Each structure stands twice: as C-alpha cells, then as structure tokens.
Amino acid sequence: MKSMFIAMLGEKGKELEGIEEVEEMFVGIRRGFEKAIKEAEEEGMKKGIKEGKEKGHLEARKEDILELLRLRFG
C-alpha cells in the first residue's frame, strides 16, 4: 500500500520515503484501512446471517403452508 501512495505522488513520493513521520503516517493509513475492512466484513457477515435466518423462516412457512394444503385438499 505504501508503494502505491509513493507511486501516486511521483517524484515527491520518492523524496518522502524514509522520513520517519511519513512512515508513521503510512502505518496509520494501513491500520485505518485494515480496521475499515474488518468492520465491513463483520457487518457483511451479520447481514448475511440475518438474511439467511429470514430466508430459512420463509422456507419453513412455505413448507408448513404446503403441508396444510396437502392435508386439506389431499
């Protein structure tokens, strides 16, 4: 990721490489991205689980209704 930022900055990026404050900034940016990705993955998993449960309940209701119709109408 650091090399991507340096490449985006061009010559100025090459000058900044190795400066301690800039290196710390890159570490902070990387950690921020990692945290955002982790949070997004966790949120996605929660949403997927919720949608899966809802779909499961709908399928169960559908099966119950079909069974009632079979019993009623043969």
PDB file of N, CA and C in Angstrom:
ATOM      1  N   MET A   1       0.832  -1.185   0.000  1.00  0.00           N
ATOM      2  CA  MET A   1       0.000   0.000   0.000  1.00  0.00           C
ATOM      3  C   MET A   1       0.878   1.250   0.000  1.00  0.00           C
ATOM      4  N   LYS A   2       1.946   1.197   0.765  1.00  0.00           N
ATOM      5  CA  LYS A   2       2.845   2.348   0.828  1.00  0.00           C
ATOM      6  C   LYS A   2       3.406   2.650  -0.549  1.00  0.00           C
ATOM      7  N   SER A   3       3.814   1.612  -1.257  1.00  0.00           N
ATOM      8  CA  SER A   3       4.388   1.827  -2.589  1.00  0.00           C
ATOM      9  C   SER A   3       3.359   2.425  -3.537  1.00  0.00           C
ATOM     10  N   MET A   4       2.080   2.088  -3.339  1.00  0.00           N
ATOM     11  CA  MET A   4       1.022   2.661  -4.168  1.00  0.00           C
ATOM     12  C   MET A   4       0.928   4.174  -3.936  1.00  0.00           C
ATOM     13  N   PHE A   5       0.976   4.585  -2.674  1.00  0.00           N
ATOM     14  CA  PHE A   5       0.907   6.013  -2.372  1.00  0.00           C
ATOM     15  C   PHE A   5       2.130   6.747  -2.913  1.00  0.00           C
ATOM     16  N   ILE A   6       3.281   6.135  -2.753  1.00  0.00           N
ATOM     17  CA  ILE A   6       4.508   6.761  -3.254  1.00  0.00           C
ATOM     18  C   ILE A   6       4.434   6.914  -4.764  1.00  0.00           C
ATOM     19  N   ALA A   7       3.946   5.880  -5.442  1.00  0.00           N
ATOM     20  CA  ALA A   7       3.808   5.952  -6.897  1.00  0.00           C
ATOM     21  C   ALA A   7       2.828   7.048  -7.297  1.00  0.00           C
ATOM     22  N   MET A   8       1.758   7.203  -6.528  1.00  0.00           N
ATOM     23  CA  MET A   8       0.769   8.239  -6.837  1.00  0.00           C
ATOM     24  C   MET A   8       1.371   9.636  -6.686  1.00  0.00           C
ATOM     25  N   LEU A   9       2.290   9.781  -5.747  1.00  0.00           N
ATOM     26  CA  LEU A   9       2.915  11.080  -5.503  1.00  0.00           C
ATOM     27  C   LEU A   9       4.074  11.367  -6.456  1.00  0.00           C
ATOM     28  N   GLY A  10       4.522  10.338  -7.155  1.00  0.00           N
ATOM     29  CA  GLY A  10       5.597  10.527  -8.131  1.00  0.00           C
ATOM     30  C   GLY A  10       6.920  10.862  -7.467  1.00  0.00           C
ATOM     31  N   GLU A  11       7.625  11.839  -8.027  1.00  0.00           N
ATOM     32  CA  GLU A  11       8.944  12.229  -7.517  1.00  0.00           C
ATOM     33  C   GLU A  11       8.868  12.690  -6.067  1.00  0.00           C
ATOM     34  N   LYS A  12       7.823  13.421  -5.734  1.00  0.00           N
ATOM     35  CA  LYS A  12       7.669  13.910  -4.359  1.00  0.00           C
ATOM     36  C   LYS A  12       7.549  12.730  -3.395  1.00  0.00           C
ATOM     37  N   GLY A  13       6.865  11.680  -3.841  1.00  0.00           N
ATOM     38  CA  GLY A  13       6.728  10.488  -3.012  1.00  0.00           C
ATOM     39  C   GLY A  13       8.063   9.833  -2.727  1.00  0.00           C
ATOM     40  N   LYS A  14       8.938   9.801  -3.717  1.00  0.00           N
ATOM     41  CA  LYS A  14      10.270   9.213  -3.527  1.00  0.00           C
ATOM     42  C   LYS A  14      11.069  10.016  -2.506  1.00  0.00           C
ATOM     43  N   GLU A  15      10.882  11.327  -2.510  1.00  0.00           N
ATOM     44  CA  GLU A  15      11.581  12.185  -1.548  1.00  0.00           C
ATOM     45  C   GLU A  15      11.078  11.936  -0.126  1.00  0.00           C
ATOM     46  N   LEU A  16       9.786  11.636   0.006  1.00  0.00           N
ATOM     47  CA  LEU A  16       9.189  11.451   1.326  1.00  0.00           C
ATOM     48  C   LEU A  16       9.498  10.089   1.929  1.00  0.00           C
ATOM     49  N   GLU A  17       9.802   9.119   1.080  1.00  0.00           N
ATOM     50  CA  GLU A  17      10.056   7.766   1.557  1.00  0.00           C
ATOM     51  C   GLU A  17      11.248   7.762   2.509  1.00  0.00           C
ATOM     52  N   GLY A  18      11.081   7.095   3.647  1.00  0.00           N
ATOM     53  CA  GLY A  18      12.158   7.003   4.623  1.00  0.00           C
ATOM     54  C   GLY A  18      12.079   8.045   5.719  1.00  0.00           C
ATOM     55  N   ILE A  19      11.308   9.112   5.536  1.00  0.00           N
ATOM     56  CA  ILE A  19      11.142  10.119   6.588  1.00  0.00           C
ATOM     57  C   ILE A  19      10.232   9.513   7.656  1.00  0.00           C
ATOM     58  N   GLU A  20      10.690   9.535   8.903  1.00  0.00           N
ATOM     59  CA  GLU A  20      10.004   8.834   9.982  1.00  0.00           C
ATOM     60  C   GLU A  20       8.532   9.237  10.119  1.00  0.00           C
ATOM     61  N   GLU A  21       8.243  10.526  10.089  1.00  0.00           N
ATOM     62  CA  GLU A  21       6.863  10.978  10.243  1.00  0.00           C
ATOM     63  C   GLU A  21       5.979  10.453   9.116  1.00  0.00           C
ATOM     64  N   VAL A  22       6.538  10.420   7.921  1.00  0.00           N
ATOM     65  CA  VAL A  22       5.780   9.930   6.765  1.00  0.00           C
ATOM     66  C   VAL A  22       5.561   8.426   6.891  1.00  0.00           C
ATOM     67  N   GLU A  23       6.593   7.710   7.349  1.00  0.00           N
ATOM     68  CA  GLU A  23       6.464   6.265   7.550  1.00  0.00           C
ATOM     69  C   GLU A  23       5.363   5.976   8.574  1.00  0.00           C
ATOM     70  N   GLU A  24       5.320   6.773   9.651  1.00  0.00           N
ATOM     71  CA  GLU A  24       4.275   6.610  10.663  1.00  0.00           C
ATOM     72  C   GLU A  24       2.899   6.886  10.064  1.00  0.00           C
ATOM     73  N   MET A  25       2.834   7.867   9.187  1.00  0.00           N
ATOM     74  CA  MET A  25       1.575   8.186   8.525  1.00  0.00           C
ATOM     75  C   MET A  25       1.103   6.992   7.688  1.00  0.00           C
ATOM     76  N   PHE A  26       2.037   6.368   6.958  1.00  0.00           N
ATOM     77  CA  PHE A  26       1.678   5.201   6.151  1.00  0.00           C
ATOM     78  C   PHE A  26       1.163   4.062   7.027  1.00  0.00           C
ATOM     79  N   VAL A  27       1.799   3.864   8.170  1.00  0.00           N
ATOM     80  CA  VAL A  27       1.357   2.823   9.100  1.00  0.00           C
ATOM     81  C   VAL A  27      -0.057   3.135   9.582  1.00  0.00           C
ATOM     82  N   GLY A  28      -0.317   4.388   9.927  1.00  0.00           N
ATOM     83  CA  GLY A  28      -1.652   4.791  10.368  1.00  0.00           C
ATOM     84  C   GLY A  28      -2.699   4.589   9.290  1.00  0.00           C
ATOM     85  N   ILE A  29      -2.349   4.935   8.071  1.00  0.00           N
ATOM     86  CA  ILE A  29      -3.283   4.751   6.952  1.00  0.00           C
ATOM     87  C   ILE A  29      -3.581   3.270   6.768  1.00  0.00           C
ATOM     88  N   ARG A  30      -2.530   2.440   6.805  1.00  0.00           N
ATOM     89  CA  ARG A  30      -2.715   0.997   6.628  1.00  0.00           C
ATOM     90  C   ARG A  30      -3.616   0.431   7.724  1.00  0.00           C
ATOM     91  N   ARG A  31      -3.368   0.832   8.961  1.00  0.00           N
ATOM     92  CA  ARG A  31      -4.195   0.346  10.075  1.00  0.00           C
ATOM     93  C   ARG A  31      -5.643   0.800   9.920  1.00  0.00           C
ATOM     94  N   GLY A  32      -5.824   2.026   9.452  1.00  0.00           N
ATOM     95  CA  GLY A  32      -7.181   2.523   9.220  1.00  0.00           C
ATOM     96  C   GLY A  32      -7.907   1.702   8.170  1.00  0.00           C
ATOM     97  N   PHE A  33      -7.202   1.388   7.078  1.00  0.00           N
ATOM     98  CA  PHE A  33      -7.804   0.554   6.038  1.00  0.00           C
ATOM     99  C   PHE A  33      -8.119  -0.839   6.569  1.00  0.00           C
ATOM    100  N   GLU A  34      -7.184  -1.421   7.313  1.00  0.00           N
ATOM    101  CA  GLU A  34      -7.395  -2.759   7.862  1.00  0.00           C
ATOM    102  C   GLU A  34      -8.606  -2.782   8.790  1.00  0.00           C
ATOM    103  N   LYS A  35      -8.742  -1.751   9.626  1.00  0.00           N
ATOM    104  CA  LYS A  35      -9.876  -1.677  10.551  1.00  0.00           C
ATOM    105  C   LYS A  35     -11.183  -1.530   9.780  1.00  0.00           C
ATOM    106  N   ALA A  36     -11.186  -0.674   8.764  1.00  0.00           N
ATOM    107  CA  ALA A  36     -12.399  -0.469   7.969  1.00  0.00           C
ATOM    108  C   ALA A  36     -12.797  -1.751   7.245  1.00  0.00           C
ATOM    109  N   ILE A  37     -11.820  -2.466   6.714  1.00  0.00           N
ATOM    110  CA  ILE A  37     -12.110  -3.724   6.018  1.00  0.00           C
ATOM    111  C   ILE A  37     -12.671  -4.751   6.995  1.00  0.00           C
ATOM    112  N   LYS A  38     -12.067  -4.857   8.175  1.00  0.00           N
ATOM    113  CA  LYS A  38     -12.537  -5.815   9.181  1.00  0.00           C
ATOM    114  C   LYS A  38     -13.973  -5.499   9.598  1.00  0.00           C
ATOM    115  N   GLU A  39     -14.258  -4.217   9.845  1.00  0.00           N
ATOM    116  CA  GLU A  39     -15.610  -3.819  10.233  1.00  0.00           C
ATOM    117  C   GLU A  39     -16.611  -4.119   9.123  1.00  0.00           C
ATOM    118  N   ALA A  40     -16.219  -3.871   7.886  1.00  0.00           N
ATOM    119  CA  ALA A  40     -17.113  -4.144   6.759  1.00  0.00           C
ATOM    120  C   ALA A  40     -17.380  -5.639   6.632  1.00  0.00           C
ATOM    121  N   GLU A  41     -16.340  -6.455   6.831  1.00  0.00           N
ATOM    122  CA  GLU A  41     -16.518  -7.904   6.763  1.00  0.00           C
ATOM    123  C   GLU A  41     -17.442  -8.388   7.870  1.00  0.00           C
ATOM    124  N   GLU A  42     -17.252  -7.875   9.089  1.00  0.00           N
ATOM    125  CA  GLU A  42     -18.102  -8.274  10.209  1.00  0.00           C
ATOM    126  C   GLU A  42     -19.548  -7.865   9.957  1.00  0.00           C
ATOM    127  N   GLU A  43     -19.747  -6.659   9.458  1.00  0.00           N
ATOM    128  CA  GLU A  43     -21.099  -6.180   9.166  1.00  0.00           C
ATOM    129  C   GLU A  43     -21.733  -7.032   8.070  1.00  0.00           C
ATOM    130  N   GLY A  44     -20.943  -7.390   7.075  1.00  0.00           N
ATOM    131  CA  GLY A  44     -21.442  -8.238   5.991  1.00  0.00           C
ATOM    132  C   GLY A  44     -21.843  -9.614   6.496  1.00  0.00           C
ATOM    133  N   MET A  45     -21.047 -10.164   7.420  1.00  0.00           N
ATOM    134  CA  MET A  45     -21.381 -11.474   7.977  1.00  0.00           C
ATOM    135  C   MET A  45     -22.669 -11.390   8.787  1.00  0.00           C
ATOM    136  N   LYS A  46     -22.816 -10.338   9.585  1.00  0.00           N
ATOM    137  CA  LYS A  46     -24.037 -10.170  10.374  1.00  0.00           C
ATOM    138  C   LYS A  46     -25.249 -10.071   9.461  1.00  0.00           C
ATOM    139  N   LYS A  47     -25.113  -9.295   8.390  1.00  0.00           N
ATOM    140  CA  LYS A  47     -26.214  -9.128   7.445  1.00  0.00           C
ATOM    141  C   LYS A  47     -26.531 -10.457   6.768  1.00  0.00           C
ATOM    142  N   GLY A  48     -25.500 -11.201   6.390  1.00  0.00           N
ATOM    143  CA  GLY A  48     -25.698 -12.492   5.741  1.00  0.00           C
ATOM    144  C   GLY A  48     -26.402 -13.483   6.650  1.00  0.00           C
ATOM    145  N   ILE A  49     -26.014 -13.504   7.921  1.00  0.00           N
ATOM    146  CA  ILE A  49     -26.652 -14.402   8.884  1.00  0.00           C
ATOM    147  C   ILE A  49     -28.119 -14.024   9.054  1.00  0.00           C
ATOM    148  N   LYS A  50     -28.392 -12.726   9.187  1.00  0.00           N
ATOM    149  CA  LYS A  50     -29.769 -12.264   9.357  1.00  0.00           C
ATOM    150  C   LYS A  50     -30.614 -12.635   8.143  1.00  0.00           C
ATOM    151  N   GLU A  51     -30.079 -12.388   6.936  1.00  0.00           N
ATOM    152  CA  GLU A  51     -30.820 -12.719   5.721  1.00  0.00           C
ATOM    153  C   GLU A  51     -31.030 -14.222   5.606  1.00  0.00           C
ATOM    154  N   GLY A  52     -30.034 -14.997   6.012  1.00  0.00           N
ATOM    155  CA  GLY A  52     -30.160 -16.455   5.977  1.00  0.00           C
ATOM    156  C   GLY A  52     -31.254 -16.947   6.909  1.00  0.00           C
ATOM    157  N   LYS A  53     -31.314 -16.368   8.110  1.00  0.00           N
ATOM    158  CA  LYS A  53     -32.363 -16.748   9.059  1.00  0.00           C
ATOM    159  C   LYS A  53     -33.737 -16.398   8.508  1.00  0.00           C
ATOM    160  N   GLU A  54     -33.860 -15.188   7.948  1.00  0.00           N
ATOM    161  CA  GLU A  54     -35.143 -14.767   7.390  1.00  0.00           C
ATOM    162  C   GLU A  54     -35.565 -15.683   6.250  1.00  0.00           C
ATOM    163  N   LYS A  55     -34.644 -16.027   5.391  1.00  0.00           N
ATOM    164  CA  LYS A  55     -34.949 -16.916   4.269  1.00  0.00           C
ATOM    165  C   LYS A  55     -35.347 -18.288   4.792  1.00  0.00           C
ATOM    166  N   GLY A  56     -34.649 -18.762   5.817  1.00  0.00           N
ATOM    167  CA  GLY A  56     -34.979 -20.054   6.417  1.00  0.00           C
ATOM    168  C   GLY A  56     -36.379 -20.058   7.000  1.00  0.00           C
ATOM    169  N   HIS A  57     -36.755 -18.970   7.671  1.00  0.00           N
ATOM    170  CA  HIS A  57     -38.103 -18.874   8.239  1.00  0.00           C
ATOM    171  C   HIS A  57     -39.152 -18.858   7.133  1.00  0.00           C
ATOM    172  N   LEU A  58     -38.877 -18.141   6.059  1.00  0.00           N
ATOM    173  CA  LEU A  58     -39.824 -18.096   4.944  1.00  0.00           C
ATOM    174  C   LEU A  58     -39.979 -19.464   4.305  1.00  0.00           C
ATOM    175  N   GLU A  59     -38.878 -20.174   4.139  1.00  0.00           N
ATOM    176  CA  GLU A  59     -38.938 -21.523   3.566  1.00  0.00           C
ATOM    177  C   GLU A  59     -39.730 -22.452   4.483  1.00  0.00           C
ATOM    178  N   ALA A  60     -39.521 -22.323   5.793  1.00  0.00           N
ATOM    179  CA  ALA A  60     -40.248 -23.161   6.744  1.00  0.00           C
ATOM    180  C   ALA A  60     -41.741 -22.866   6.678  1.00  0.00           C
ATOM    181  N   ARG A  61     -42.106 -21.600   6.602  1.00  0.00           N
ATOM    182  CA  ARG A  61     -43.524 -21.236   6.487  1.00  0.00           C
ATOM    183  C   ARG A  61     -44.116 -21.778   5.196  1.00  0.00           C
ATOM    184  N   LYS A  62     -43.375 -21.678   4.119  1.00  0.00           N
ATOM    185  CA  LYS A  62     -43.833 -22.180   2.826  1.00  0.00           C
ATOM    186  C   LYS A  62     -44.116 -23.678   2.918  1.00  0.00           C
ATOM    187  N   GLU A  63     -43.203 -24.414   3.544  1.00  0.00           N
ATOM    188  CA  GLU A  63     -43.394 -25.857   3.705  1.00  0.00           C
ATOM    189  C   GLU A  63     -44.613 -26.150   4.582  1.00  0.00           C
ATOM    190  N   ASP A  64     -44.800 -25.372   5.637  1.00  0.00           N
ATOM    191  CA  ASP A  64     -45.971 -25.557   6.506  1.00  0.00           C
ATOM    192  C   ASP A  64     -47.260 -25.325   5.734  1.00  0.00           C
ATOM    193  N   ILE A  65     -47.302 -24.276   4.947  1.00  0.00           N
ATOM    194  CA  ILE A  65     -48.499 -23.958   4.160  1.00  0.00           C
ATOM    195  C   ILE A  65     -48.774 -25.063   3.146  1.00  0.00           C
ATOM    196  N   LEU A  66     -47.735 -25.538   2.476  1.00  0.00           N
ATOM    197  CA  LEU A  66     -47.918 -26.625   1.510  1.00  0.00           C
ATOM    198  C   LEU A  66     -48.436 -27.886   2.195  1.00  0.00           C
ATOM    199  N   GLU A  67     -47.925 -28.188   3.374  1.00  0.00           N
ATOM    200  CA  GLU A  67     -48.387 -29.358   4.120  1.00  0.00           C
ATOM    201  C   GLU A  67     -49.853 -29.203   4.518  1.00  0.00           C
ATOM    202  N   LEU A  68     -50.241 -28.018   4.962  1.00  0.00           N
ATOM    203  CA  LEU A  68     -51.647 -27.778   5.304  1.00  0.00           C
ATOM    204  C   LEU A  68     -52.548 -27.938   4.082  1.00  0.00           C
ATOM    205  N   LEU A  69     -52.105 -27.447   2.938  1.00  0.00           N
ATOM    206  CA  LEU A  69     -52.886 -27.595   1.704  1.00  0.00           C
ATOM    207  C   LEU A  69     -53.002 -29.062   1.308  1.00  0.00           C
ATOM    208  N   ARG A  70     -51.927 -29.822   1.462  1.00  0.00           N
ATOM    209  CA  ARG A  70     -51.970 -31.263   1.144  1.00  0.00           C
ATOM    210  C   ARG A  70     -52.959 -31.980   2.053  1.00  0.00           C
ATOM    211  N   LEU A  71     -52.932 -31.638   3.342  1.00  0.00           N
ATOM    212  CA  LEU A  71     -53.849 -32.265   4.292  1.00  0.00           C
ATOM    213  C   LEU A  71     -55.302 -31.890   3.994  1.00  0.00           C
ATOM    214  N   ARG A  72     -55.516 -30.658   3.646  1.00  0.00           N
ATOM    215  CA  ARG A  72     -56.879 -30.158   3.408  1.00  0.00           C
ATOM    216  C   ARG A  72     -57.465 -30.679   2.103  1.00  0.00           C
ATOM    217  N   PHE A  73     -56.647 -30.636   1.039  1.00  0.00           N
ATOM    218  CA  PHE A  73     -57.175 -30.960  -0.281  1.00  0.00           C
ATOM    219  C   PHE A  73     -56.643 -32.279  -0.841  1.00  0.00           C
ATOM    220  N   GLY A  74     -55.863 -32.960  -0.073  1.00  0.00           N
ATOM    221  CA  GLY A  74     -55.389 -34.283  -0.490  1.00  0.00           C
ATOM    222  C   GLY A  74     -54.296 -34.278  -1.417  1.00  0.00           C
TER     223      GLY A  74
END
